[in-house]
Amino acid sequence: MSKGDLTAKQKQFCEEYLIDLNATQAAIRAGYSQKTARTIAANLLAKMNIKDYVQGLMDKRADKTLYDQEYVINGLLEVHRRCMEGEFINPAGANKALELLGKHKRMFVDKVEIEGELDLNHKSFEQYIEIKKQAQKELSDEPNNRIKDLN
């Protein structure tokens, strides 16, 4: 198996990821453990061969549908312009178009950056380590994903 080859399960993950761009749910739908899906999804998306395969699927879909990012952005800009002109202004439609454009440019973040040390109690830290170990085992069970022990 060459370095760039993907297992059937990894390919399934990539295809499931394109449905809603939710990596955790894609991992679950592809057959990974629900308990470790988040960690596994992050590990999979960090791999260059997975990234390349997902990008190839996205490019293929864009070619089939005849639209790409530029088409969508131009459409949103047109919606915003139309919502703000004329006799009946539609502020909700204009705001939605701006929201989608902002999301595309990553102007809004869903995650909060935490500075300093995290205050984890002993039990939650043990749970975190256990999930990491389970994810490691599940990933290492795949032929081309031999990874080092997390300990």
Protein backbone atom coordinates (compact mmCIF):
# COMPACT_ATOMS: atom_id res chain seq x y z
CA MET A 1 0.00 0.00 0.00
CA SER A 2 1.59 3.28 -1.04
CA LYS A 3 1.74 6.29 1.23
CA GLY A 4 -1.07 8.12 -0.59
CA ASP A 5 -3.53 5.19 -0.62
CA LEU A 6 -6.57 5.34 1.60
CA THR A 7 -8.42 2.49 3.23
CA ALA A 8 -12.06 1.92 2.37
CA LYS A 9 -13.01 3.34 5.77
CA GLN A 10 -10.94 6.49 5.19
CA LYS A 11 -12.53 6.99 1.76
CA GLN A 12 -15.95 6.56 3.34
CA PHE A 13 -15.03 9.20 5.94
CA CYS A 14 -14.06 11.63 3.16
CA GLU A 15 -17.29 11.05 1.26
CA GLU A 16 -19.37 11.40 4.43
CA TYR A 17 -17.48 14.59 5.32
CA LEU A 18 -18.67 16.25 2.11
CA ILE A 19 -22.30 15.78 3.14
CA ASP A 20 -22.28 18.38 5.91
CA LEU A 21 -18.58 19.19 6.56
CA ASN A 22 -19.02 17.83 10.10
CA ALA A 23 -15.94 15.70 10.64
CA THR A 24 -17.15 14.06 13.87
CA GLN A 25 -20.43 12.95 12.32
CA ALA A 26 -18.61 11.84 9.16
CA ALA A 27 -16.35 9.61 11.28
CA ILE A 28 -19.38 8.08 13.02
CA ARG A 29 -21.18 7.50 9.71
CA ALA A 30 -18.00 5.93 8.31
CA GLY A 31 -17.99 3.40 11.13
CA TYR A 32 -15.59 4.83 13.68
CA SER A 33 -16.49 4.68 17.36
CA GLN A 34 -18.84 7.44 18.51
CA LYS A 35 -16.76 7.90 21.67
CA THR A 36 -13.53 8.56 19.77
CA ALA A 37 -14.98 10.04 16.57
CA ARG A 38 -13.97 13.63 17.33
CA THR A 39 -10.32 12.75 17.93
CA ILE A 40 -10.17 10.38 14.98
CA ALA A 41 -11.77 12.96 12.69
CA ALA A 42 -9.18 15.57 13.70
CA ASN A 43 -6.36 13.08 13.11
CA LEU A 44 -7.73 12.08 9.71
CA LEU A 45 -8.20 15.67 8.54
CA ALA A 46 -4.61 16.45 9.54
CA LYS A 47 -3.27 13.86 7.06
CA MET A 48 -2.19 15.24 3.70
CA ASN A 49 -3.53 12.26 1.72
CA ILE A 50 -6.97 12.73 3.33
CA LYS A 51 -6.88 16.49 2.62
CA ASP A 52 -5.94 15.83 -1.00
CA TYR A 53 -8.70 13.25 -1.43
CA VAL A 54 -11.34 15.57 0.10
CA GLN A 55 -10.18 18.45 -2.12
CA GLY A 56 -10.37 16.19 -5.16
CA LEU A 57 -13.94 15.21 -4.26
CA MET A 58 -14.86 18.88 -3.78
CA ASP A 59 -13.30 19.85 -7.12
CA LYS A 60 -15.13 17.01 -8.86
CA ARG A 61 -18.43 18.13 -7.30
CA ALA A 62 -17.82 21.76 -8.32
CA ASP A 63 -17.13 20.65 -11.91
CA LYS A 64 -20.34 18.60 -12.00
CA THR A 65 -22.53 21.34 -10.57
CA LEU A 66 -20.85 24.14 -12.53
CA TYR A 67 -20.42 26.35 -9.50
CA ASP A 68 -17.53 27.13 -7.26
CA GLN A 69 -16.66 29.56 -4.47
CA GLU A 70 -16.57 32.53 -6.83
CA TYR A 71 -20.06 31.72 -8.13
CA VAL A 72 -21.47 31.43 -4.62
CA ILE A 73 -19.79 34.63 -3.40
CA ASN A 74 -20.98 36.60 -6.41
CA GLY A 75 -24.50 35.24 -5.84
CA LEU A 76 -24.46 36.31 -2.18
CA LEU A 77 -23.21 39.77 -3.11
CA GLU A 78 -26.05 40.07 -5.64
CA VAL A 79 -28.61 38.95 -3.03
CA HIS A 80 -27.29 41.54 -0.59
CA ARG A 81 -27.41 44.28 -3.23
CA ARG A 82 -30.98 43.42 -4.24
CA CYS A 83 -32.13 43.21 -0.62
CA MET A 84 -30.86 46.74 0.06
CA GLU A 85 -32.28 48.52 -3.00
CA GLY A 86 -35.70 49.38 -4.25
CA GLU A 87 -38.92 50.22 -2.49
CA PHE A 88 -39.05 47.15 -0.26
CA ILE A 89 -35.77 46.73 1.58
CA ASN A 90 -35.23 43.25 3.03
CA PRO A 91 -32.78 43.65 5.93
CA ALA A 92 -33.11 39.98 7.00
CA GLY A 93 -32.09 38.76 3.54
CA ALA A 94 -29.25 41.26 3.37
CA ASN A 95 -27.98 40.24 6.81
CA LYS A 96 -28.14 36.54 5.92
CA ALA A 97 -26.10 37.14 2.78
CA LEU A 98 -23.50 39.08 4.80
CA GLU A 99 -23.45 36.33 7.45
CA LEU A 100 -22.72 33.67 4.85
CA LEU A 101 -20.02 35.81 3.26
CA GLY A 102 -18.47 36.41 6.69
CA LYS A 103 -18.47 32.69 7.45
CA HIS A 104 -16.74 32.02 4.16
CA LYS A 105 -14.02 34.52 5.10
CA ARG A 106 -13.86 32.99 8.61
CA MET A 107 -14.77 36.30 10.20
CA PHE A 108 -16.79 34.58 12.89
CA VAL A 109 -15.34 31.89 15.13
CA ASP A 110 -17.26 29.14 16.86
CA LYS A 111 -14.34 28.22 19.10
CA VAL A 112 -12.97 30.23 21.99
CA GLU A 113 -9.21 30.41 22.38
CA ILE A 114 -8.13 29.79 25.96
CA GLU A 115 -4.93 31.34 27.23
CA GLY A 116 -3.04 29.93 30.17
CA GLU A 117 -3.44 26.53 31.77
CA LEU A 118 -6.62 24.52 31.73
CA ASP A 119 -7.99 23.57 35.12
CA LEU A 120 -8.99 19.95 34.58
CA ASN A 121 -9.94 17.85 37.54
CA HIS A 122 -8.32 14.43 37.85
CA LYS A 123 -11.36 12.51 36.60
CA SER A 124 -11.88 14.60 33.45
CA PHE A 125 -8.18 14.34 32.61
CA GLU A 126 -8.32 10.55 32.95
CA GLN A 127 -11.37 10.48 30.65
CA TYR A 128 -9.51 12.63 28.12
CA ILE A 129 -6.50 10.27 28.17
CA GLU A 130 -8.79 7.23 27.81
CA ILE A 131 -10.52 8.72 24.76
CA LYS A 132 -7.14 9.56 23.21
CA LYS A 133 -5.93 5.98 23.79
CA GLN A 134 -9.10 4.51 22.25
CA ALA A 135 -8.77 6.79 19.23
CA GLN A 136 -5.12 5.81 18.88
CA LYS A 137 -6.03 2.11 18.96
CA GLU A 138 -8.80 2.56 16.41
CA LEU A 139 -6.53 4.50 14.07
CA SER A 140 -3.63 2.10 14.47
CA ASP A 141 -5.89 -0.83 13.53
CA GLU A 142 -5.91 0.53 9.97
CA PRO A 143 -3.00 -0.77 7.87
CA ASN A 144 -1.50 2.58 6.82
CA ASN A 145 -2.04 4.41 10.09
CA ARG A 146 0.58 3.07 12.44
CA ILE A 147 1.11 5.83 15.00
CA LYS A 148 3.26 6.13 18.08
CA ASP A 149 1.90 5.54 21.56
CA LEU A 150 0.48 8.71 23.17
CA ASN A 151 2.07 7.95 26.54
